[in-house]
Each structure stands twice: as C-alpha cells, then as structure tokens.
Protein backbone atom coordinates (compact mmCIF):
# COMPACT_ATOMS: atom_id res chain seq x y z
CA MET A 1 190.97 59.36 -211.79
CA SER A 2 187.99 59.88 -213.32
CA ILE A 3 184.55 61.97 -212.76
CA VAL A 4 181.06 61.25 -213.40
CA PHE A 5 179.35 64.99 -213.83
CA THR A 6 176.03 65.95 -215.52
CA GLU A 7 175.13 68.93 -217.74
CA VAL A 8 171.97 69.83 -217.90
CA ARG A 9 170.30 72.49 -220.12
CA ILE A 10 167.35 74.75 -219.62
CA GLU A 11 166.37 75.59 -223.77
CA ASP A 12 163.20 76.55 -225.26
CA ARG A 13 161.96 77.32 -228.93
CA ASP A 14 163.06 80.84 -228.44
CA GLY A 15 166.26 79.90 -227.92
CA VAL A 16 166.71 80.80 -224.27
CA GLU A 17 169.01 78.41 -223.00
CA LEU A 18 170.72 78.13 -219.40
CA SER A 19 173.43 75.36 -218.52
CA PHE A 20 175.05 73.90 -215.57
CA MET A 21 176.97 71.28 -213.94
CA GLU A 22 176.47 69.02 -211.24
CA GLY A 23 178.81 65.54 -210.29
CA GLY A 24 177.69 62.92 -209.67
CA CYS A 25 174.49 61.70 -212.59
CA LEU A 26 171.32 63.03 -211.71
CA ASP A 27 168.06 61.43 -212.89
CA GLU A 28 164.51 62.69 -212.88
CA LEU A 29 164.23 62.86 -209.32
CA ASP A 30 167.42 64.70 -208.62
CA ILE A 31 165.92 67.82 -211.15
CA ARG A 32 162.04 67.54 -209.42
CA GLU A 33 164.01 67.95 -206.03
CA LEU A 34 165.79 70.93 -207.71
CA LEU A 35 163.22 72.40 -208.97
CA LYS A 36 161.58 72.07 -205.21
CA HIS A 37 164.40 73.20 -203.19
CA ASP A 38 166.64 74.82 -205.08
CA GLN A 39 165.92 78.96 -206.22
CA PRO A 40 168.63 79.57 -208.94
CA PHE A 41 166.99 76.38 -210.21
CA ARG A 42 163.77 76.79 -210.28
CA ASP A 43 164.53 80.82 -211.32
CA MET A 44 165.79 79.69 -214.36
CA TRP A 45 163.30 76.86 -215.18
CA ASP A 46 160.12 79.92 -214.52
CA ALA A 47 162.53 82.19 -217.22
CA VAL A 48 161.82 79.91 -220.10
CA GLY A 49 158.82 79.63 -221.92
CA SER A 50 156.01 76.93 -221.51
CA ASP A 51 157.53 75.01 -224.56
CA ALA A 52 160.86 74.64 -222.57
CA ARG A 53 162.42 71.37 -221.72
CA ILE A 54 165.46 70.50 -219.53
CA ALA A 55 167.99 68.39 -221.47
CA VAL A 56 170.04 66.16 -219.43
CA GLN A 57 173.53 64.05 -220.16
CA GLN A 58 175.54 62.68 -218.30
CA TYR A 59 179.17 61.81 -218.65
CA ARG A 60 182.37 60.29 -216.98
CA PHE A 61 185.73 62.06 -217.59
CA ARG A 62 188.80 60.23 -217.62
CA GLY A 63 191.53 61.86 -216.48
CA GLY A 64 193.79 63.21 -213.74
CA LYS A 65 196.79 61.10 -212.00
CA GLN A 66 196.11 58.02 -209.87
CA GLY A 67 194.73 59.22 -206.84
CA GLU A 68 194.38 62.55 -207.24
CA GLU A 69 191.36 63.94 -206.01
CA LEU A 70 190.00 67.35 -207.08
CA GLY A 71 186.83 69.08 -206.44
CA ASP A 72 183.95 69.39 -209.35
CA GLU A 73 183.21 72.68 -208.55
CA ASN A 74 187.53 72.64 -210.29
CA HIS A 75 186.87 70.44 -212.60
CA PHE A 76 184.14 72.13 -214.37
CA ALA A 77 185.74 75.55 -214.06
CA LEU A 78 188.90 73.75 -216.27
CA MET A 79 185.71 72.73 -217.99
CA ARG A 80 184.52 76.09 -218.77
CA ALA A 81 187.56 77.70 -219.29
CA TYR A 82 188.40 74.30 -222.07
CA ASP A 83 185.48 75.24 -223.40
CA ARG A 84 185.71 79.56 -223.90
CA ALA A 85 189.15 78.87 -225.20
CA LEU A 86 188.46 76.19 -227.86
CA SER A 87 184.97 77.82 -229.49
CA ASP A 88 186.93 80.39 -231.64
CA GLU A 89 189.15 77.43 -233.22
CA ASP A 90 187.07 74.88 -234.31
CA GLY A 91 183.85 75.26 -231.83
CA SER A 92 184.53 71.44 -230.06
CA THR A 93 184.02 71.82 -226.25
CA PHE A 94 185.16 69.16 -223.48
CA VAL A 95 182.53 66.71 -223.73
CA GLU A 96 183.81 66.18 -227.38
CA ARG A 97 187.27 64.75 -226.00
CA ASP A 98 188.29 60.79 -226.43
CA ASP A 99 188.79 61.07 -222.55
CA VAL A 100 185.40 61.86 -222.28
CA ASP A 101 182.57 59.23 -222.19
CA TRP A 102 178.95 59.37 -222.62
CA LEU A 103 176.65 57.74 -220.19
CA ASP A 104 173.34 58.41 -220.96
CA ASP A 105 170.87 61.37 -221.55
CA PHE A 106 167.20 62.44 -221.21
CA GLU A 107 164.65 64.58 -221.08
CA LEU A 108 161.97 66.50 -219.48
CA THR A 109 159.26 69.40 -220.61
CA LYS A 110 157.45 71.56 -217.86
CA GLY A 111 154.63 68.85 -219.15
CA ASP A 112 156.29 66.30 -217.81
CA LEU A 113 156.85 68.08 -214.36
CA ALA A 114 153.23 69.78 -213.66
CA ASP A 115 151.67 69.21 -210.90
CA GLY A 116 150.87 65.34 -210.16
CA LYS A 117 152.83 63.58 -212.41
C-alpha cells in the first residue's frame, strides 16, 4: 500500500504560514481551481500579504499492509499526530521518514496567479 499526497503551504515574508494536505499530486491547474472554487483555500490565500507564495511538495508514503485501503484523511490525521509527537523531541516531520519519498515541488506567487496569466 502506498499513498501519494501533496503538502500545500501558504507563506509570506512576515512568517504567516498556513498548510494542508491533499491526496494525489496537485499541479498548478489544481491550485488555480482551488483558488476559484474552494472558499477556505481562497480565504487562506487572501489572508496573506502581496509577497506570499504557495509552496507545493509532492510525496509518496510507502507503508501499511498489502491491500490496505485507508482513506486519505485518516492518513493525514496520523501524519499530523506524528509531527506533534516528535516536534518536542528532534523536530523531524512525517515527510522526513525513510518510507516517504519526495516526488516533486513547485512554487507560485501572487503575481503568478494574477488574472490573465
């Protein structure tokens, strides 16, 4: 069993940082669609300054048992719990585990996402 997921982080120079995870590999078109049609995501993007960027990291988690099919949200909840439990120990995160492979990344700025581009 493996799960492909994307971590989306919204950051600006003032340190405002919001993040969430989505199942699958989101691309630039997916981010544009989220900004158009997903009110909570749009609200997060509107809350940050004009110098903000969206940083997208794509991963594959190789774990679990053969044939195991847990929903993405269950996995994300476990990943967040893992991060909270380790944050006081050594600062490592779930995506730094040996059974998590980095696949790709990209960044978008407010200028990249301006109307007409």
